PDB file of all heavy atoms in Angstrom:
ATOM      1  N   ILE A   1      96.226 116.959 111.785  1.00  0.00           N
ATOM      2  CA  ILE A   1      95.066 116.895 110.920  1.00  0.00           C
ATOM      3  C   ILE A   1      94.436 115.521 111.099  1.00  0.00           C
ATOM      4  O   ILE A   1      95.034 114.487 110.917  1.00  0.00           O
ATOM      5  CB  ILE A   1      95.410 117.063 109.406  1.00  0.00           C
ATOM      6  CG1 ILE A   1      96.064 118.456 109.239  1.00  0.00           C
ATOM      7  CG2 ILE A   1      94.216 116.877 108.523  1.00  0.00           C
ATOM      8  CD1 ILE A   1      96.668 118.693 107.869  1.00  0.00           C
ATOM      9  N   TYR A   2      93.136 115.543 111.453  1.00  0.00           N
ATOM     10  CA  TYR A   2      92.295 114.361 111.702  1.00  0.00           C
ATOM     11  C   TYR A   2      91.362 114.178 110.466  1.00  0.00           C
ATOM     12  O   TYR A   2      90.806 115.139 109.975  1.00  0.00           O
ATOM     13  CB  TYR A   2      91.479 114.468 112.943  1.00  0.00           C
ATOM     14  CG  TYR A   2      90.278 113.557 113.020  1.00  0.00           C
ATOM     15  CD1 TYR A   2      90.349 112.244 113.493  1.00  0.00           C
ATOM     16  CD2 TYR A   2      89.020 114.082 112.647  1.00  0.00           C
ATOM     17  CE1 TYR A   2      89.260 111.441 113.552  1.00  0.00           C
ATOM     18  CE2 TYR A   2      87.883 113.193 112.708  1.00  0.00           C
ATOM     19  CZ  TYR A   2      87.982 111.949 113.138  1.00  0.00           C
ATOM     20  OH  TYR A   2      86.884 111.179 113.233  1.00  0.00           O
ATOM     21  N   GLU A   3      91.283 112.986 109.969  1.00  0.00           N
ATOM     22  CA  GLU A   3      90.406 112.682 108.863  1.00  0.00           C
ATOM     23  C   GLU A   3      89.774 111.303 109.011  1.00  0.00           C
ATOM     24  O   GLU A   3      90.472 110.347 109.400  1.00  0.00           O
ATOM     25  CB  GLU A   3      91.187 112.713 107.578  1.00  0.00           C
ATOM     26  CG  GLU A   3      90.352 112.782 106.280  1.00  0.00           C
ATOM     27  CD  GLU A   3      91.173 112.966 105.078  1.00  0.00           C
ATOM     28  OE1 GLU A   3      91.497 114.102 104.801  1.00  0.00           O
ATOM     29  OE2 GLU A   3      91.565 111.943 104.431  1.00  0.00           O
ATOM     30  N   ALA A   4      88.489 111.173 108.741  1.00  0.00           N
ATOM     31  CA  ALA A   4      87.810 109.835 108.855  1.00  0.00           C
ATOM     32  C   ALA A   4      86.510 109.938 108.036  1.00  0.00           C
ATOM     33  O   ALA A   4      85.949 110.990 107.818  1.00  0.00           O
ATOM     34  CB  ALA A   4      87.580 109.515 110.322  1.00  0.00           C
ATOM     35  N   GLU A   5      86.019 108.804 107.677  1.00  0.00           N
ATOM     36  CA  GLU A   5      84.704 108.646 107.109  1.00  0.00           C
ATOM     37  C   GLU A   5      84.001 107.494 107.733  1.00  0.00           C
ATOM     38  O   GLU A   5      83.853 106.399 107.107  1.00  0.00           O
ATOM     39  CB  GLU A   5      84.810 108.525 105.571  1.00  0.00           C
ATOM     40  CG  GLU A   5      83.461 108.834 104.902  1.00  0.00           C
ATOM     41  CD  GLU A   5      83.611 109.268 103.451  1.00  0.00           C
ATOM     42  OE1 GLU A   5      84.675 109.116 102.863  1.00  0.00           O
ATOM     43  OE2 GLU A   5      82.629 109.782 102.892  1.00  0.00           O
ATOM     44  N   PRO A   6      83.579 107.653 109.012  1.00  0.00           N
ATOM     45  CA  PRO A   6      83.017 106.528 109.761  1.00  0.00           C
ATOM     46  C   PRO A   6      81.796 105.824 109.065  1.00  0.00           C
ATOM     47  O   PRO A   6      80.896 106.507 108.532  1.00  0.00           O
ATOM     48  CB  PRO A   6      82.618 107.151 111.134  1.00  0.00           C
ATOM     49  CG  PRO A   6      83.368 108.411 111.150  1.00  0.00           C
ATOM     50  CD  PRO A   6      83.544 108.865 109.756  1.00  0.00           C
ATOM     51  N   GLY A   7      81.857 104.545 109.057  1.00  0.00           N
ATOM     52  CA  GLY A   7      80.686 103.785 108.477  1.00  0.00           C
ATOM     53  C   GLY A   7      80.792 103.668 106.964  1.00  0.00           C
ATOM     54  O   GLY A   7      80.040 102.869 106.372  1.00  0.00           O
ATOM     55  N   ILE A   8      81.682 104.478 106.313  1.00  0.00           N
ATOM     56  CA  ILE A   8      81.872 104.366 104.856  1.00  0.00           C
ATOM     57  C   ILE A   8      83.159 103.649 104.541  1.00  0.00           C
ATOM     58  O   ILE A   8      83.193 102.741 103.676  1.00  0.00           O
ATOM     59  CB  ILE A   8      81.865 105.773 104.269  1.00  0.00           C
ATOM     60  CG1 ILE A   8      80.570 106.524 104.627  1.00  0.00           C
ATOM     61  CG2 ILE A   8      82.039 105.732 102.741  1.00  0.00           C
ATOM     62  CD1 ILE A   8      79.328 105.880 104.110  1.00  0.00           C
ATOM     63  N   GLU A   9      84.186 103.974 105.223  1.00  0.00           N
ATOM     64  CA  GLU A   9      85.487 103.310 105.120  1.00  0.00           C
ATOM     65  C   GLU A   9      85.399 101.926 105.644  1.00  0.00           C
ATOM     66  O   GLU A   9      84.512 101.570 106.496  1.00  0.00           O
ATOM     67  CB  GLU A   9      86.570 104.055 105.823  1.00  0.00           C
ATOM     68  CG  GLU A   9      86.840 105.481 105.279  1.00  0.00           C
ATOM     69  CD  GLU A   9      87.717 106.316 106.123  1.00  0.00           C
ATOM     70  OE1 GLU A   9      87.906 106.020 107.315  1.00  0.00           O
ATOM     71  OE2 GLU A   9      88.317 107.284 105.596  1.00  0.00           O
ATOM     72  N   PRO A  10      86.275 100.963 105.238  1.00  0.00           N
ATOM     73  CA  PRO A  10      86.249  99.597 105.754  1.00  0.00           C
ATOM     74  C   PRO A  10      86.412  99.505 107.252  1.00  0.00           C
ATOM     75  O   PRO A  10      85.837  98.613 107.835  1.00  0.00           O
ATOM     76  CB  PRO A  10      87.438  98.945 105.014  1.00  0.00           C
ATOM     77  CG  PRO A  10      87.645  99.776 103.796  1.00  0.00           C
ATOM     78  CD  PRO A  10      87.336 101.189 104.214  1.00  0.00           C
ATOM     79  N   GLY A  11      87.223 100.395 107.854  1.00  0.00           N
ATOM     80  CA  GLY A  11      87.453 100.340 109.250  1.00  0.00           C
ATOM     81  C   GLY A  11      87.165 101.585 109.968  1.00  0.00           C
ATOM     82  O   GLY A  11      86.627 102.516 109.357  1.00  0.00           O
ATOM     83  N   TRP A  12      87.471 101.666 111.218  1.00  0.00           N
ATOM     84  CA  TRP A  12      87.189 102.820 112.076  1.00  0.00           C
ATOM     85  C   TRP A  12      88.450 103.397 112.712  1.00  0.00           C
ATOM     86  O   TRP A  12      88.368 104.077 113.752  1.00  0.00           O
ATOM     87  CB  TRP A  12      86.202 102.340 113.161  1.00  0.00           C
ATOM     88  CG  TRP A  12      84.863 101.992 112.603  1.00  0.00           C
ATOM     89  CD1 TRP A  12      84.503 100.930 111.849  1.00  0.00           C
ATOM     90  CD2 TRP A  12      83.647 102.814 112.705  1.00  0.00           C
ATOM     91  NE1 TRP A  12      83.189 100.949 111.536  1.00  0.00           N
ATOM     92  CE2 TRP A  12      82.645 102.157 112.015  1.00  0.00           C
ATOM     93  CE3 TRP A  12      83.369 103.959 113.337  1.00  0.00           C
ATOM     94  CZ2 TRP A  12      81.366 102.597 111.898  1.00  0.00           C
ATOM     95  CZ3 TRP A  12      82.069 104.469 113.270  1.00  0.00           C
ATOM     96  CH2 TRP A  12      81.077 103.805 112.540  1.00  0.00           C
ATOM     97  N   GLU A  13      89.594 103.273 112.074  1.00  0.00           N
ATOM     98  CA  GLU A  13      90.835 103.860 112.578  1.00  0.00           C
ATOM     99  C   GLU A  13      90.941 105.344 112.347  1.00  0.00           C
ATOM    100  O   GLU A  13      91.428 106.075 113.161  1.00  0.00           O
ATOM    101  CB  GLU A  13      92.035 103.182 111.998  1.00  0.00           C
ATOM    102  CG  GLU A  13      91.996 101.644 112.103  1.00  0.00           C
ATOM    103  CD  GLU A  13      91.677 101.006 110.776  1.00  0.00           C
ATOM    104  OE1 GLU A  13      90.721 101.407 110.186  1.00  0.00           O
ATOM    105  OE2 GLU A  13      92.404 100.077 110.416  1.00  0.00           O
ATOM    106  N   GLY A  14      90.430 105.829 111.149  1.00  0.00           N
ATOM    107  CA  GLY A  14      90.693 107.195 110.736  1.00  0.00           C
ATOM    108  C   GLY A  14      92.174 107.374 110.360  1.00  0.00           C
ATOM    109  O   GLY A  14      92.969 106.407 110.340  1.00  0.00           O
ATOM    110  N   ARG A  15      92.514 108.593 110.053  1.00  0.00           N
ATOM    111  CA  ARG A  15      93.888 108.915 109.660  1.00  0.00           C
ATOM    112  C   ARG A  15      94.364 110.180 110.365  1.00  0.00           C
ATOM    113  O   ARG A  15      93.546 111.044 110.703  1.00  0.00           O
ATOM    114  CB  ARG A  15      93.964 109.184 108.150  1.00  0.00           C
ATOM    115  CG  ARG A  15      93.708 107.952 107.312  1.00  0.00           C
ATOM    116  CD  ARG A  15      93.488 108.266 105.840  1.00  0.00           C
ATOM    117  NE  ARG A  15      92.303 109.054 105.591  1.00  0.00           N
ATOM    118  CZ  ARG A  15      91.032 108.598 105.702  1.00  0.00           C
ATOM    119  NH1 ARG A  15      90.863 107.314 105.938  1.00  0.00           N
ATOM    120  NH2 ARG A  15      90.014 109.363 105.457  1.00  0.00           N
ATOM    121  N   LEU A  16      95.655 110.247 110.673  1.00  0.00           N
ATOM    122  CA  LEU A  16      96.242 111.360 111.378  1.00  0.00           C
ATOM    123  C   LEU A  16      97.409 111.836 110.575  1.00  0.00           C
ATOM    124  O   LEU A  16      98.367 111.093 110.283  1.00  0.00           O
ATOM    125  CB  LEU A  16      96.579 111.003 112.788  1.00  0.00           C
ATOM    126  CG  LEU A  16      97.133 112.080 113.709  1.00  0.00           C
ATOM    127  CD1 LEU A  16      96.148 113.218 113.812  1.00  0.00           C
ATOM    128  CD2 LEU A  16      97.488 111.502 115.082  1.00  0.00           C
ATOM    129  N   PHE A  17      97.525 113.167 110.291  1.00  0.00           N
ATOM    130  CA  PHE A  17      98.633 113.783 109.627  1.00  0.00           C
ATOM    131  C   PHE A  17      99.252 114.793 110.547  1.00  0.00           C
ATOM    132  O   PHE A  17      98.588 115.388 111.409  1.00  0.00           O
ATOM    133  CB  PHE A  17      98.214 114.444 108.324  1.00  0.00           C
ATOM    134  CG  PHE A  17      97.512 113.498 107.340  1.00  0.00           C
ATOM    135  CD1 PHE A  17      96.119 113.222 107.492  1.00  0.00           C
ATOM    136  CD2 PHE A  17      98.195 112.869 106.398  1.00  0.00           C
ATOM    137  CE1 PHE A  17      95.465 112.382 106.620  1.00  0.00           C
ATOM    138  CE2 PHE A  17      97.539 111.985 105.514  1.00  0.00           C
ATOM    139  CZ  PHE A  17      96.213 111.743 105.624  1.00  0.00           C
ATOM    140  N   ALA A  18     100.549 115.069 110.374  1.00  0.00           N
ATOM    141  CA  ALA A  18     101.176 116.033 111.269  1.00  0.00           C
ATOM    142  C   ALA A  18     102.311 116.760 110.508  1.00  0.00           C
ATOM    143  O   ALA A  18     102.783 116.355 109.503  1.00  0.00           O
ATOM    144  CB  ALA A  18     101.792 115.242 112.462  1.00  0.00           C
ATOM    145  N   ALA A  19     102.650 117.924 111.053  1.00  0.00           N
ATOM    146  CA  ALA A  19     103.742 118.773 110.537  1.00  0.00           C
ATOM    147  C   ALA A  19     104.339 119.524 111.728  1.00  0.00           C
ATOM    148  O   ALA A  19     103.688 119.795 112.745  1.00  0.00           O
ATOM    149  CB  ALA A  19     103.235 119.705 109.470  1.00  0.00           C
ATOM    150  N   ARG A  20     105.601 119.894 111.551  1.00  0.00           N
ATOM    151  CA  ARG A  20     106.319 120.691 112.548  1.00  0.00           C
ATOM    152  C   ARG A  20     106.534 122.067 111.994  1.00  0.00           C
ATOM    153  O   ARG A  20     106.718 122.224 110.746  1.00  0.00           O
ATOM    154  CB  ARG A  20     107.682 120.056 112.850  1.00  0.00           C
ATOM    155  CG  ARG A  20     107.626 118.801 113.644  1.00  0.00           C
ATOM    156  CD  ARG A  20     107.092 118.954 115.081  1.00  0.00           C
ATOM    157  NE  ARG A  20     107.209 117.770 115.865  1.00  0.00           N
ATOM    158  CZ  ARG A  20     106.838 117.699 117.143  1.00  0.00           C
ATOM    159  NH1 ARG A  20     106.304 118.805 117.728  1.00  0.00           N
ATOM    160  NH2 ARG A  20     107.007 116.615 117.819  1.00  0.00           N
ATOM    161  N   ALA A  21     106.577 123.031 112.866  1.00  0.00           N
ATOM    162  CA  ALA A  21     106.712 124.448 112.381  1.00  0.00           C
ATOM    163  C   ALA A  21     108.013 124.710 111.775  1.00  0.00           C
ATOM    164  O   ALA A  21     108.179 125.592 110.846  1.00  0.00           O
ATOM    165  CB  ALA A  21     106.506 125.387 113.604  1.00  0.00           C
ATOM    166  N   ASP A  22     109.075 123.940 112.053  1.00  0.00           N
ATOM    167  CA  ASP A  22     110.404 124.128 111.525  1.00  0.00           C
ATOM    168  C   ASP A  22     110.721 123.245 110.257  1.00  0.00           C
ATOM    169  O   ASP A  22     111.877 123.151 109.860  1.00  0.00           O
ATOM    170  CB  ASP A  22     111.459 123.949 112.569  1.00  0.00           C
ATOM    171  CG  ASP A  22     111.429 122.525 113.160  1.00  0.00           C
ATOM    172  OD1 ASP A  22     110.543 121.777 112.796  1.00  0.00           O
ATOM    173  OD2 ASP A  22     112.233 122.232 114.050  1.00  0.00           O
ATOM    174  N   LYS A  23     109.675 122.543 109.706  1.00  0.00           N
ATOM    175  CA  LYS A  23     109.946 121.690 108.638  1.00  0.00           C
ATOM    176  C   LYS A  23     108.695 121.738 107.657  1.00  0.00           C
ATOM    177  O   LYS A  23     107.576 121.694 108.042  1.00  0.00           O
ATOM    178  CB  LYS A  23     110.092 120.227 109.162  1.00  0.00           C
ATOM    179  CG  LYS A  23     110.320 119.203 108.052  1.00  0.00           C
ATOM    180  CD  LYS A  23     110.448 117.841 108.659  1.00  0.00           C
ATOM    181  CE  LYS A  23     110.670 116.747 107.619  1.00  0.00           C
ATOM    182  NZ  LYS A  23     110.718 115.385 108.151  1.00  0.00           N
ATOM    183  N   ALA A  24     109.032 121.868 106.317  1.00  0.00           N
ATOM    184  CA  ALA A  24     107.977 121.971 105.343  1.00  0.00           C
ATOM    185  C   ALA A  24     107.371 120.571 105.135  1.00  0.00           C
ATOM    186  O   ALA A  24     108.055 119.514 105.201  1.00  0.00           O
ATOM    187  CB  ALA A  24     108.525 122.451 104.046  1.00  0.00           C
ATOM    188  N   GLY A  25     106.006 120.505 104.788  1.00  0.00           N
ATOM    189  CA  GLY A  25     105.370 119.291 104.440  1.00  0.00           C
ATOM    190  C   GLY A  25     104.599 118.677 105.595  1.00  0.00           C
ATOM    191  O   GLY A  25     104.864 118.858 106.762  1.00  0.00           O
ATOM    192  N   VAL A  26     103.548 117.979 105.196  1.00  0.00           N
ATOM    193  CA  VAL A  26     102.615 117.268 106.106  1.00  0.00           C
ATOM    194  C   VAL A  26     102.816 115.776 105.886  1.00  0.00           C
ATOM    195  O   VAL A  26     102.697 115.360 104.701  1.00  0.00           O
ATOM    196  CB  VAL A  26     101.182 117.711 105.970  1.00  0.00           C
ATOM    197  CG1 VAL A  26     100.266 116.953 106.872  1.00  0.00           C
ATOM    198  CG2 VAL A  26     101.073 119.231 106.258  1.00  0.00           C
ATOM    199  N   GLU A  27     102.920 114.981 106.906  1.00  0.00           N
ATOM    200  CA  GLU A  27     103.148 113.539 106.725  1.00  0.00           C
ATOM    201  C   GLU A  27     102.102 112.756 107.515  1.00  0.00           C
ATOM    202  O   GLU A  27     101.747 113.207 108.620  1.00  0.00           O
ATOM    203  CB  GLU A  27     104.542 113.139 107.204  1.00  0.00           C
ATOM    204  CG  GLU A  27     105.672 113.799 106.397  1.00  0.00           C
ATOM    205  CD  GLU A  27     107.085 113.370 106.876  1.00  0.00           C
ATOM    206  OE1 GLU A  27     107.121 112.742 107.973  1.00  0.00           O
ATOM    207  OE2 GLU A  27     108.075 113.658 106.195  1.00  0.00           O
ATOM    208  N   GLN A  28     101.697 111.616 106.967  1.00  0.00           N
ATOM    209  CA  GLN A  28     100.794 110.777 107.722  1.00  0.00           C
ATOM    210  C   GLN A  28     101.519 110.119 108.832  1.00  0.00           C
ATOM    211  O   GLN A  28     102.642 109.583 108.695  1.00  0.00           O
ATOM    212  CB  GLN A  28     100.131 109.789 106.832  1.00  0.00           C
ATOM    213  CG  GLN A  28      99.024 108.931 107.491  1.00  0.00           C
ATOM    214  CD  GLN A  28      98.144 108.171 106.538  1.00  0.00           C
ATOM    215  OE1 GLN A  28      98.310 108.245 105.330  1.00  0.00           O
ATOM    216  NE2 GLN A  28      97.266 107.329 107.070  1.00  0.00           N
ATOM    217  N   MET A  29     100.841 110.032 110.035  1.00  0.00           N
ATOM    218  CA  MET A  29     101.460 109.379 111.142  1.00  0.00           C
ATOM    219  C   MET A  29     100.946 107.963 111.291  1.00  0.00           C
ATOM    220  O   MET A  29      99.749 107.706 111.034  1.00  0.00           O
ATOM    221  CB  MET A  29     101.112 110.150 112.472  1.00  0.00           C
ATOM    222  CG  MET A  29     101.647 111.604 112.461  1.00  0.00           C
ATOM    223  SD  MET A  29     101.297 112.341 114.101  1.00  0.00           S
ATOM    224  CE  MET A  29     102.601 111.599 115.067  1.00  0.00           C
ATOM    225  N   LEU A  30     101.769 107.081 111.781  1.00  0.00           N
ATOM    226  CA  LEU A  30     101.298 105.770 112.156  1.00  0.00           C
ATOM    227  C   LEU A  30     100.551 105.819 113.520  1.00  0.00           C
ATOM    228  O   LEU A  30     101.026 106.473 114.398  1.00  0.00           O
ATOM    229  CB  LEU A  30     102.494 104.771 112.252  1.00  0.00           C
ATOM    230  CG  LEU A  30     103.187 104.367 110.979  1.00  0.00           C
ATOM    231  CD1 LEU A  30     104.447 103.468 111.298  1.00  0.00           C
ATOM    232  CD2 LEU A  30     102.268 103.613 110.072  1.00  0.00           C
ATOM    233  N   LEU A  31      99.477 105.188 113.552  1.00  0.00           N
ATOM    234  CA  LEU A  31      98.651 105.167 114.731  1.00  0.00           C
ATOM    235  C   LEU A  31      99.101 103.999 115.645  1.00  0.00           C
ATOM    236  O   LEU A  31      99.385 102.910 115.166  1.00  0.00           O
ATOM    237  CB  LEU A  31      97.169 104.995 114.424  1.00  0.00           C
ATOM    238  CG  LEU A  31      96.603 106.209 113.622  1.00  0.00           C
ATOM    239  CD1 LEU A  31      95.209 105.869 113.169  1.00  0.00           C
ATOM    240  CD2 LEU A  31      96.618 107.473 114.436  1.00  0.00           C
ATOM    241  N   PRO A  32      99.159 104.145 116.956  1.00  0.00           N
ATOM    242  CA  PRO A  32      99.573 103.058 117.873  1.00  0.00           C
ATOM    243  C   PRO A  32      98.631 101.831 117.716  1.00  0.00           C
ATOM    244  O   PRO A  32      97.442 101.953 117.600  1.00  0.00           O
ATOM    245  CB  PRO A  32      99.452 103.682 119.240  1.00  0.00           C
ATOM    246  CG  PRO A  32      99.540 105.148 119.005  1.00  0.00           C
ATOM    247  CD  PRO A  32      98.877 105.429 117.700  1.00  0.00           C
ATOM    248  N   GLU A  33      99.266 100.674 117.687  1.00  0.00           N
ATOM    249  CA  GLU A  33      98.460  99.428 117.542  1.00  0.00           C
ATOM    250  C   GLU A  33      97.438  99.255 118.646  1.00  0.00           C
ATOM    251  O   GLU A  33      96.372  98.711 118.457  1.00  0.00           O
ATOM    252  CB  GLU A  33      99.415  98.216 117.549  1.00  0.00           C
ATOM    253  CG  GLU A  33      98.666  96.916 117.255  1.00  0.00           C
ATOM    254  CD  GLU A  33      99.637  95.738 117.289  1.00  0.00           C
ATOM    255  OE1 GLU A  33     100.846  95.939 117.368  1.00  0.00           O
ATOM    256  OE2 GLU A  33      99.139  94.595 117.080  1.00  0.00           O
ATOM    257  N   ALA A  34      97.812  99.785 119.847  1.00  0.00           N
ATOM    258  CA  ALA A  34      96.843  99.724 120.954  1.00  0.00           C
ATOM    259  C   ALA A  34      95.561 100.462 120.716  1.00  0.00           C
ATOM    260  O   ALA A  34      94.511 100.086 121.209  1.00  0.00           O
ATOM    261  CB  ALA A  34      97.489 100.283 122.188  1.00  0.00           C
TER     262      ALA A  34
END
């Protein structure tokens, strides 16, 4: 799941969430510093 609000949020990183088919729940992922 990708989510962002460009130009409204303080930065331009956006957010990324993920889930696996064999596990309940969706968790936010850390984005690589690069």
